[in-house]
Amino acid sequence: MTEASPLLEVRDLRHAFGSVSVLRGVSLAVRAGEMTAIIGPNGSGKSTLLRIAGRLLRPQNGEVRFDGRDAWSISPRDFARRVAFLPQAPEAPADLAVVELVSRGRHPHRGLLGASSERDREAVERALALAGVAGLRHRTVATLSGGERQRAWVALALAQEPDVLLLDEPTTFLDIGHQVELLSLLVRLNEEQGLTVLMVMHDLPQAAHYARRLVAVRAGEVVAEGPPSAVLTEARVEAIFGVAVRVYLDPQSGVPVVAPVGR
């Protein structure tokens, strides 16, 4: 049996902002059902890679393919029906109710007049339930905690009914309890709903624990990829981040735990 073709793929991406080269020949393939985390130091090109994969930024060189097609040949509406993107710090009007926020995820599915259908309302209700924010439907964005707000944004993405969810540092500004809550939600969506997840992460132990595959980027190039145990070795982490570490295996999960070497 041949290996399944990638659902989302970037090939030989090269991109610069002015005279600063950000991506230098990056290629990455994501297959349906995968949960992948992109890791790397600040300024390594992680977020730029994710934005190009989500078609928010057109690369200066290289190719983006979705489901076997040139992603840029797909209409924006059709692409948004299958790929949802959550930026690092999304914003919405403070007085917007959660149910109204989530309803915005139905925009790619609505007709020219933008009227909401029964199918739209069902999708919104399902998204609210899946993200665990159904009880917050009438709360305004301004009254939500950081964790509640991030789950509301995930619900908006789910209302699009995408095949792929792209997230740029989804746990930024969250305390550890809400980080675990959000990442556990993403795992459930991946395992129970078949949602393909590609996210940028900074926390290496969390990336190892929640993602089944890691892609390490340094200076605009992919320098390692594979299961966490293969990517997060002491030598590789030091080469990628420039800091000495010790890597231990969690006795229960068996995933690597990265700790910096003390002074």
C-alpha atoms as a PDB file:
ATOM      1  CA  MET A   1       0.000   0.000   0.000  1.00  0.00           C
ATOM      2  CA  THR A   2       1.382   3.394  -0.922  1.00  0.00           C
ATOM      3  CA  GLU A   3       1.591   6.165   1.645  1.00  0.00           C
ATOM      4  CA  ALA A   4      -1.260   8.667   1.495  1.00  0.00           C
ATOM      5  CA  SER A   5      -0.578  11.880  -0.372  1.00  0.00           C
ATOM      6  CA  PRO A   6      -0.155  15.036   1.739  1.00  0.00           C
ATOM      7  CA  LEU A   7      -3.287  17.045   2.421  1.00  0.00           C
ATOM      8  CA  LEU A   8      -1.285  20.251   2.831  1.00  0.00           C
ATOM      9  CA  GLU A   9       2.176  20.698   1.373  1.00  0.00           C
ATOM     10  CA  VAL A  10       4.695  23.489   0.872  1.00  0.00           C
ATOM     11  CA  ARG A  11       7.620  23.054  -1.490  1.00  0.00           C
ATOM     12  CA  ASP A  12      10.894  24.968  -1.530  1.00  0.00           C
ATOM     13  CA  LEU A  13       9.476  28.113   0.067  1.00  0.00           C
ATOM     14  CA  ARG A  14      11.726  31.157  -0.068  1.00  0.00           C
ATOM     15  CA  HIS A  15      10.623  34.456   1.372  1.00  0.00           C
ATOM     16  CA  ALA A  16      12.245  37.682   2.529  1.00  0.00           C
ATOM     17  CA  PHE A  17      11.078  40.897   4.140  1.00  0.00           C
ATOM     18  CA  GLY A  18      13.189  43.548   2.517  1.00  0.00           C
ATOM     19  CA  SER A  19      16.790  42.398   2.697  1.00  0.00           C
ATOM     20  CA  VAL A  20      16.090  39.893   5.496  1.00  0.00           C
ATOM     21  CA  SER A  21      15.690  36.325   4.255  1.00  0.00           C
ATOM     22  CA  VAL A  22      13.121  34.542   6.433  1.00  0.00           C
ATOM     23  CA  LEU A  23      12.570  31.212   4.650  1.00  0.00           C
ATOM     24  CA  ARG A  24      15.331  29.463   2.719  1.00  0.00           C
ATOM     25  CA  GLY A  25      13.977  26.539   0.743  1.00  0.00           C
ATOM     26  CA  VAL A  26      11.491  25.145   3.279  1.00  0.00           C
ATOM     27  CA  SER A  27       9.463  22.075   2.347  1.00  0.00           C
ATOM     28  CA  LEU A  28       6.842  20.482   4.582  1.00  0.00           C
ATOM     29  CA  ALA A  29       4.123  17.881   4.031  1.00  0.00           C
ATOM     30  CA  VAL A  30       1.151  17.363   6.359  1.00  0.00           C
ATOM     31  CA  ARG A  31      -1.075  14.345   5.922  1.00  0.00           C
ATOM     32  CA  ALA A  32      -4.732  14.111   6.889  1.00  0.00           C
ATOM     33  CA  GLY A  33      -5.241  13.321  10.558  1.00  0.00           C
ATOM     34  CA  GLU A  34      -1.803  14.431  11.704  1.00  0.00           C
ATOM     35  CA  MET A  35      -1.185  16.661  14.703  1.00  0.00           C
ATOM     36  CA  THR A  36       2.063  18.512  14.057  1.00  0.00           C
ATOM     37  CA  ALA A  37       3.912  21.247  15.945  1.00  0.00           C
ATOM     38  CA  ILE A  38       6.453  23.600  14.375  1.00  0.00           C
ATOM     39  CA  ILE A  39       9.180  24.520  16.855  1.00  0.00           C
ATOM     40  CA  GLY A  40      12.240  26.764  16.696  1.00  0.00           C
ATOM     41  CA  PRO A  41      13.782  29.915  18.145  1.00  0.00           C
ATOM     42  CA  ASN A  42      12.317  33.381  17.744  1.00  0.00           C
ATOM     43  CA  GLY A  43      12.845  34.773  14.263  1.00  0.00           C
ATOM     44  CA  SER A  44      13.375  31.366  12.685  1.00  0.00           C
ATOM     45  CA  GLY A  45      10.477  31.737  10.224  1.00  0.00           C
ATOM     46  CA  LYS A  46       7.852  29.605  11.988  1.00  0.00           C
ATOM     47  CA  SER A  47       4.974  32.075  11.820  1.00  0.00           C
ATOM     48  CA  THR A  48       5.817  33.094   8.256  1.00  0.00           C
ATOM     49  CA  LEU A  49       5.758  29.427   7.248  1.00  0.00           C
ATOM     50  CA  LEU A  50       2.359  28.961   8.895  1.00  0.00           C
ATOM     51  CA  ARG A  51       0.907  32.100   7.283  1.00  0.00           C
ATOM     52  CA  ILE A  52       2.054  30.954   3.847  1.00  0.00           C
ATOM     53  CA  ALA A  53       0.594  27.482   4.459  1.00  0.00           C
ATOM     54  CA  GLY A  54      -2.695  29.182   5.371  1.00  0.00           C
ATOM     55  CA  ARG A  55      -2.573  31.332   2.232  1.00  0.00           C
ATOM     56  CA  LEU A  56      -2.448  34.563   4.216  1.00  0.00           C
ATOM     57  CA  LEU A  57       0.864  35.408   2.583  1.00  0.00           C
ATOM     58  CA  ARG A  58       1.991  34.557  -0.932  1.00  0.00           C
ATOM     59  CA  PRO A  59       5.570  33.284  -1.008  1.00  0.00           C
ATOM     60  CA  GLN A  60       8.093  34.995  -3.244  1.00  0.00           C
ATOM     61  CA  ASN A  61       9.263  31.584  -4.420  1.00  0.00           C
ATOM     62  CA  GLY A  62       7.962  28.081  -3.918  1.00  0.00           C
ATOM     63  CA  GLU A  63       4.638  26.297  -3.995  1.00  0.00           C
ATOM     64  CA  VAL A  64       1.719  25.656  -1.660  1.00  0.00           C
ATOM     65  CA  ARG A  65      -0.517  22.690  -2.457  1.00  0.00           C
ATOM     66  CA  PHE A  66      -3.760  21.635  -0.822  1.00  0.00           C
ATOM     67  CA  ASP A  67      -5.386  18.286  -1.512  1.00  0.00           C
ATOM     68  CA  GLY A  68      -3.241  17.857  -4.625  1.00  0.00           C
ATOM     69  CA  ARG A  69      -3.979  21.312  -6.081  1.00  0.00           C
ATOM     70  CA  ASP A  70      -2.129  24.587  -6.232  1.00  0.00           C
ATOM     71  CA  ALA A  71      -3.595  26.348  -3.192  1.00  0.00           C
ATOM     72  CA  TRP A  72      -3.656  29.678  -5.013  1.00  0.00           C
ATOM     73  CA  SER A  73      -5.861  28.202  -7.749  1.00  0.00           C
ATOM     74  CA  ILE A  74      -8.593  27.564  -5.173  1.00  0.00           C
ATOM     75  CA  SER A  75     -11.056  30.383  -4.544  1.00  0.00           C
ATOM     76  CA  PRO A  76     -10.659  32.124  -1.161  1.00  0.00           C
ATOM     77  CA  ARG A  77     -14.149  31.004  -0.143  1.00  0.00           C
ATOM     78  CA  ASP A  78     -13.505  27.346  -0.993  1.00  0.00           C
ATOM     79  CA  PHE A  79     -10.109  27.402   0.718  1.00  0.00           C
ATOM     80  CA  ALA A  80     -11.641  28.925   3.873  1.00  0.00           C
ATOM     81  CA  ARG A  81     -14.193  26.125   3.954  1.00  0.00           C
ATOM     82  CA  ARG A  82     -11.400  23.603   4.369  1.00  0.00           C
ATOM     83  CA  VAL A  83      -8.574  25.451   6.123  1.00  0.00           C
ATOM     84  CA  ALA A  84      -9.034  27.575   9.258  1.00  0.00           C
ATOM     85  CA  PHE A  85      -6.305  29.839  10.631  1.00  0.00           C
ATOM     86  CA  LEU A  86      -6.055  31.248  14.155  1.00  0.00           C
ATOM     87  CA  PRO A  87      -3.413  33.964  14.589  1.00  0.00           C
ATOM     88  CA  GLN A  88      -1.434  34.470  17.771  1.00  0.00           C
ATOM     89  CA  ALA A  89      -3.612  37.269  19.159  1.00  0.00           C
ATOM     90  CA  PRO A  90      -6.983  37.410  17.348  1.00  0.00           C
ATOM     91  CA  GLU A  91      -9.179  40.414  18.047  1.00  0.00           C
ATOM     92  CA  ALA A  92     -12.915  40.997  18.033  1.00  0.00           C
ATOM     93  CA  PRO A  93     -15.197  43.819  19.233  1.00  0.00           C
ATOM     94  CA  ALA A  94     -15.346  43.670  23.032  1.00  0.00           C
ATOM     95  CA  ASP A  95     -19.152  43.804  23.088  1.00  0.00           C
ATOM     96  CA  LEU A  96     -19.574  40.917  20.651  1.00  0.00           C
ATOM     97  CA  ALA A  97     -21.338  37.880  22.143  1.00  0.00           C
ATOM     98  CA  VAL A  98     -19.636  34.495  21.886  1.00  0.00           C
ATOM     99  CA  VAL A  99     -22.394  33.066  19.701  1.00  0.00           C
ATOM    100  CA  GLU A 100     -22.032  36.046  17.341  1.00  0.00           C
ATOM    101  CA  LEU A 101     -18.276  35.560  17.222  1.00  0.00           C
ATOM    102  CA  VAL A 102     -18.628  31.877  16.403  1.00  0.00           C
ATOM    103  CA  SER A 103     -21.260  32.625  13.775  1.00  0.00           C
ATOM    104  CA  ARG A 104     -18.637  34.574  11.854  1.00  0.00           C
ATOM    105  CA  GLY A 105     -17.022  31.248  11.075  1.00  0.00           C
ATOM    106  CA  ARG A 106     -19.923  30.469   8.749  1.00  0.00           C
ATOM    107  CA  HIS A 107     -19.077  33.300   6.372  1.00  0.00           C
ATOM    108  CA  PRO A 108     -17.397  31.035   3.749  1.00  0.00           C
ATOM    109  CA  HIS A 109     -20.536  28.876   3.593  1.00  0.00           C
ATOM    110  CA  ARG A 110     -23.122  31.621   3.158  1.00  0.00           C
ATOM    111  CA  GLY A 111     -24.550  32.841  -0.110  1.00  0.00           C
ATOM    112  CA  LEU A 112     -24.267  36.279  -1.644  1.00  0.00           C
ATOM    113  CA  LEU A 113     -26.937  37.735   0.638  1.00  0.00           C
ATOM    114  CA  GLY A 114     -25.189  36.386   3.740  1.00  0.00           C
ATOM    115  CA  ALA A 115     -28.389  35.021   5.291  1.00  0.00           C
ATOM    116  CA  SER A 116     -27.984  32.406   8.005  1.00  0.00           C
ATOM    117  CA  SER A 117     -29.499  29.002   7.225  1.00  0.00           C
ATOM    118  CA  GLU A 118     -30.549  26.145   9.455  1.00  0.00           C
ATOM    119  CA  ARG A 119     -27.357  24.373   8.409  1.00  0.00           C
ATOM    120  CA  ASP A 120     -25.360  27.386   9.608  1.00  0.00           C
ATOM    121  CA  ARG A 121     -27.120  27.415  12.963  1.00  0.00           C
ATOM    122  CA  GLU A 122     -26.495  23.700  13.414  1.00  0.00           C
ATOM    123  CA  ALA A 123     -22.800  24.134  12.614  1.00  0.00           C
ATOM    124  CA  VAL A 124     -22.504  26.967  15.138  1.00  0.00           C
ATOM    125  CA  GLU A 125     -24.199  24.910  17.858  1.00  0.00           C
ATOM    126  CA  ARG A 126     -21.910  21.970  17.145  1.00  0.00           C
ATOM    127  CA  ALA A 127     -18.828  24.196  17.239  1.00  0.00           C
ATOM    128  CA  LEU A 128     -19.892  25.743  20.557  1.00  0.00           C
ATOM    129  CA  ALA A 129     -20.369  22.282  22.039  1.00  0.00           C
ATOM    130  CA  LEU A 130     -17.116  20.842  20.690  1.00  0.00           C
ATOM    131  CA  ALA A 131     -15.087  23.769  22.046  1.00  0.00           C
ATOM    132  CA  GLY A 132     -16.857  23.637  25.410  1.00  0.00           C
ATOM    133  CA  VAL A 133     -18.238  27.170  25.249  1.00  0.00           C
ATOM    134  CA  ALA A 134     -21.951  26.512  24.742  1.00  0.00           C
ATOM    135  CA  GLY A 135     -22.607  27.837  28.241  1.00  0.00           C
ATOM    136  CA  LEU A 136     -20.860  31.081  27.358  1.00  0.00           C
ATOM    137  CA  ARG A 137     -22.940  31.853  24.264  1.00  0.00           C
ATOM    138  CA  HIS A 138     -24.412  35.096  25.600  1.00  0.00           C
ATOM    139  CA  ARG A 139     -21.255  36.340  27.312  1.00  0.00           C
ATOM    140  CA  THR A 140     -19.386  39.133  25.564  1.00  0.00           C
ATOM    141  CA  VAL A 141     -15.772  38.749  24.504  1.00  0.00           C
ATOM    142  CA  ALA A 142     -14.701  41.394  27.018  1.00  0.00           C
ATOM    143  CA  THR A 143     -15.972  39.311  29.963  1.00  0.00           C
ATOM    144  CA  LEU A 144     -14.125  36.117  29.032  1.00  0.00           C
ATOM    145  CA  SER A 145     -10.962  34.850  30.670  1.00  0.00           C
ATOM    146  CA  GLY A 146      -7.969  34.196  28.443  1.00  0.00           C
ATOM    147  CA  GLY A 147      -8.719  30.483  28.278  1.00  0.00           C
ATOM    148  CA  GLU A 148     -12.405  31.030  27.562  1.00  0.00           C
ATOM    149  CA  ARG A 149     -11.587  33.537  24.862  1.00  0.00           C
ATOM    150  CA  GLN A 150      -9.179  31.173  23.133  1.00  0.00           C
ATOM    151  CA  ARG A 151     -11.730  28.346  23.170  1.00  0.00           C
ATOM    152  CA  ALA A 152     -14.291  30.727  21.686  1.00  0.00           C
ATOM    153  CA  TRP A 153     -11.887  31.433  18.832  1.00  0.00           C
ATOM    154  CA  VAL A 154     -11.380  27.706  18.336  1.00  0.00           C
ATOM    155  CA  ALA A 155     -15.173  27.394  18.140  1.00  0.00           C
ATOM    156  CA  LEU A 156     -15.201  30.058  15.419  1.00  0.00           C
ATOM    157  CA  ALA A 157     -12.661  28.018  13.473  1.00  0.00           C
ATOM    158  CA  LEU A 158     -14.695  24.833  13.978  1.00  0.00           C
ATOM    159  CA  ALA A 159     -17.810  26.588  12.643  1.00  0.00           C
ATOM    160  CA  GLN A 160     -15.981  26.763   9.315  1.00  0.00           C
ATOM    161  CA  GLU A 161     -16.065  22.927   9.349  1.00  0.00           C
ATOM    162  CA  PRO A 162     -12.452  22.778   8.164  1.00  0.00           C
ATOM    163  CA  ASP A 163     -10.308  19.765   7.410  1.00  0.00           C
ATOM    164  CA  VAL A 164      -7.201  21.572   8.685  1.00  0.00           C
ATOM    165  CA  LEU A 165      -6.728  23.914  11.628  1.00  0.00           C
ATOM    166  CA  LEU A 166      -3.620  26.133  11.682  1.00  0.00           C
ATOM    167  CA  LEU A 167      -2.728  27.848  14.970  1.00  0.00           C
ATOM    168  CA  ASP A 168       0.065  30.318  15.664  1.00  0.00           C
ATOM    169  CA  GLU A 169       1.240  29.900  19.269  1.00  0.00           C
ATOM    170  CA  PRO A 170      -2.257  29.137  20.623  1.00  0.00           C
ATOM    171  CA  THR A 171      -1.186  29.067  24.293  1.00  0.00           C
ATOM    172  CA  THR A 172       0.372  32.554  24.334  1.00  0.00           C
ATOM    173  CA  PHE A 173      -0.762  34.587  27.390  1.00  0.00           C
ATOM    174  CA  LEU A 174      -2.470  31.549  28.990  1.00  0.00           C
ATOM    175  CA  ASP A 175      -1.578  30.146  32.398  1.00  0.00           C
ATOM    176  CA  ILE A 176      -0.543  26.506  32.568  1.00  0.00           C
ATOM    177  CA  GLY A 177      -4.021  25.293  33.498  1.00  0.00           C
ATOM    178  CA  HIS A 178      -5.618  26.945  30.474  1.00  0.00           C
ATOM    179  CA  GLN A 179      -2.721  25.825  28.280  1.00  0.00           C
ATOM    180  CA  VAL A 180      -3.391  22.200  29.176  1.00  0.00           C
ATOM    181  CA  GLU A 181      -7.131  22.714  28.720  1.00  0.00           C
ATOM    182  CA  LEU A 182      -6.686  24.162  25.228  1.00  0.00           C
ATOM    183  CA  LEU A 183      -4.114  21.625  24.059  1.00  0.00           C
ATOM    184  CA  SER A 184      -6.227  18.757  25.395  1.00  0.00           C
ATOM    185  CA  LEU A 185      -9.154  20.164  23.403  1.00  0.00           C
ATOM    186  CA  LEU A 186      -7.035  20.163  20.242  1.00  0.00           C
ATOM    187  CA  VAL A 187      -6.018  16.543  20.876  1.00  0.00           C
ATOM    188  CA  ARG A 188      -9.665  15.530  21.270  1.00  0.00           C
ATOM    189  CA  LEU A 189     -10.612  17.306  18.047  1.00  0.00           C
ATOM    190  CA  ASN A 190      -7.755  15.559  16.279  1.00  0.00           C
ATOM    191  CA  GLU A 191      -8.464  12.099  17.637  1.00  0.00           C
ATOM    192  CA  GLU A 192     -12.264  12.124  17.789  1.00  0.00           C
ATOM    193  CA  GLN A 193     -13.181  14.439  14.900  1.00  0.00           C
ATOM    194  CA  GLY A 194     -10.253  13.664  12.576  1.00  0.00           C
ATOM    195  CA  LEU A 195      -9.199  17.313  12.443  1.00  0.00           C
ATOM    196  CA  THR A 196      -5.720  17.841  11.022  1.00  0.00           C
ATOM    197  CA  VAL A 197      -3.781  20.258  13.250  1.00  0.00           C
ATOM    198  CA  LEU A 198      -0.633  22.228  12.423  1.00  0.00           C
ATOM    199  CA  MET A 199       0.524  24.689  15.069  1.00  0.00           C
ATOM    200  CA  VAL A 200       3.500  26.807  16.030  1.00  0.00           C
ATOM    201  CA  MET A 201       4.641  26.182  19.620  1.00  0.00           C
ATOM    202  CA  HIS A 202       7.370  27.520  21.893  1.00  0.00           C
ATOM    203  CA  ASP A 203       7.047  25.192  24.875  1.00  0.00           C
ATOM    204  CA  LEU A 204       9.079  22.097  23.980  1.00  0.00           C
ATOM    205  CA  PRO A 205       7.730  19.720  26.680  1.00  0.00           C
ATOM    206  CA  GLN A 206       4.167  20.615  25.695  1.00  0.00           C
ATOM    207  CA  ALA A 207       4.946  20.219  21.999  1.00  0.00           C
ATOM    208  CA  ALA A 208       6.396  16.779  22.713  1.00  0.00           C
ATOM    209  CA  HIS A 209       3.438  15.768  24.876  1.00  0.00           C
ATOM    210  CA  TYR A 210       0.593  16.904  22.649  1.00  0.00           C
ATOM    211  CA  ALA A 211       1.903  16.660  19.073  1.00  0.00           C
ATOM    212  CA  ARG A 212       2.746  13.355  17.447  1.00  0.00           C
ATOM    213  CA  ARG A 213       5.161  14.988  15.008  1.00  0.00           C
ATOM    214  CA  LEU A 214       7.554  17.899  15.357  1.00  0.00           C
ATOM    215  CA  VAL A 215       9.107  20.069  12.657  1.00  0.00           C
ATOM    216  CA  ALA A 216      12.121  22.061  13.864  1.00  0.00           C
ATOM    217  CA  VAL A 217      12.992  25.281  12.029  1.00  0.00           C
ATOM    218  CA  ARG A 218      16.147  27.323  12.459  1.00  0.00           C
ATOM    219  CA  ALA A 219      17.257  30.348  10.432  1.00  0.00           C
ATOM    220  CA  GLY A 220      14.572  29.751   7.818  1.00  0.00           C
ATOM    221  CA  GLU A 221      15.340  26.082   7.217  1.00  0.00           C
ATOM    222  CA  VAL A 222      13.819  22.797   8.409  1.00  0.00           C
ATOM    223  CA  VAL A 223      16.620  21.140  10.376  1.00  0.00           C
ATOM    224  CA  ALA A 224      14.761  18.165  11.868  1.00  0.00           C
ATOM    225  CA  GLU A 225      11.354  16.512  11.704  1.00  0.00           C
ATOM    226  CA  GLY A 226       9.763  13.370  13.028  1.00  0.00           C
ATOM    227  CA  PRO A 227       8.371  12.016  16.302  1.00  0.00           C
ATOM    228  CA  PRO A 228       9.291  14.024  19.424  1.00  0.00           C
ATOM    229  CA  SER A 229      11.743  11.370  20.639  1.00  0.00           C
ATOM    230  CA  ALA A 230      13.728  11.702  17.399  1.00  0.00           C
ATOM    231  CA  VAL A 231      13.702  15.505  17.229  1.00  0.00           C
ATOM    232  CA  LEU A 232      14.210  16.446  20.875  1.00  0.00           C
ATOM    233  CA  THR A 233      17.612  14.966  21.565  1.00  0.00           C
ATOM    234  CA  GLU A 234      20.093  16.895  23.674  1.00  0.00           C
ATOM    235  CA  ALA A 235      22.409  17.492  20.721  1.00  0.00           C
ATOM    236  CA  ARG A 236      19.648  18.661  18.406  1.00  0.00           C
ATOM    237  CA  VAL A 237      18.003  20.983  20.918  1.00  0.00           C
ATOM    238  CA  GLU A 238      21.372  22.596  21.656  1.00  0.00           C
ATOM    239  CA  ALA A 239      22.053  22.997  17.920  1.00  0.00           C
ATOM    240  CA  ILE A 240      18.607  24.505  17.266  1.00  0.00           C
ATOM    241  CA  PHE A 241      18.274  26.796  20.286  1.00  0.00           C
ATOM    242  CA  GLY A 242      21.905  27.350  21.259  1.00  0.00           C
ATOM    243  CA  VAL A 243      21.424  26.234  24.848  1.00  0.00           C
ATOM    244  CA  ALA A 244      22.622  23.141  26.704  1.00  0.00           C
ATOM    245  CA  VAL A 245      19.800  20.908  27.922  1.00  0.00           C
ATOM    246  CA  ARG A 246      19.100  17.566  29.497  1.00  0.00           C
ATOM    247  CA  VAL A 247      16.372  15.418  27.987  1.00  0.00           C
ATOM    248  CA  TYR A 248      14.495  12.971  30.187  1.00  0.00           C
ATOM    249  CA  LEU A 249      11.767  10.523  29.271  1.00  0.00           C
ATOM    250  CA  ASP A 250       8.505  10.927  31.126  1.00  0.00           C
ATOM    251  CA  PRO A 251       8.017   7.639  33.020  1.00  0.00           C
ATOM    252  CA  GLN A 252       4.301   7.489  32.224  1.00  0.00           C
ATOM    253  CA  SER A 253       4.000   8.798  28.657  1.00  0.00           C
ATOM    254  CA  GLY A 254       7.518   8.064  27.429  1.00  0.00           C
ATOM    255  CA  VAL A 255       7.716  11.456  25.704  1.00  0.00           C
ATOM    256  CA  PRO A 256      10.863  13.569  26.092  1.00  0.00           C
ATOM    257  CA  VAL A 257      10.990  16.344  28.683  1.00  0.00           C
ATOM    258  CA  VAL A 258      13.514  19.106  27.981  1.00  0.00           C
ATOM    259  CA  ALA A 259      15.200  20.933  30.848  1.00  0.00           C
ATOM    260  CA  PRO A 260      17.987  23.549  30.550  1.00  0.00           C
ATOM    261  CA  VAL A 261      21.284  22.777  32.202  1.00  0.00           C
ATOM    262  CA  GLY A 262      21.762  24.891  35.328  1.00  0.00           C
ATOM    263  CA  ARG A 263      24.463  27.495  35.695  1.00  0.00           C
END
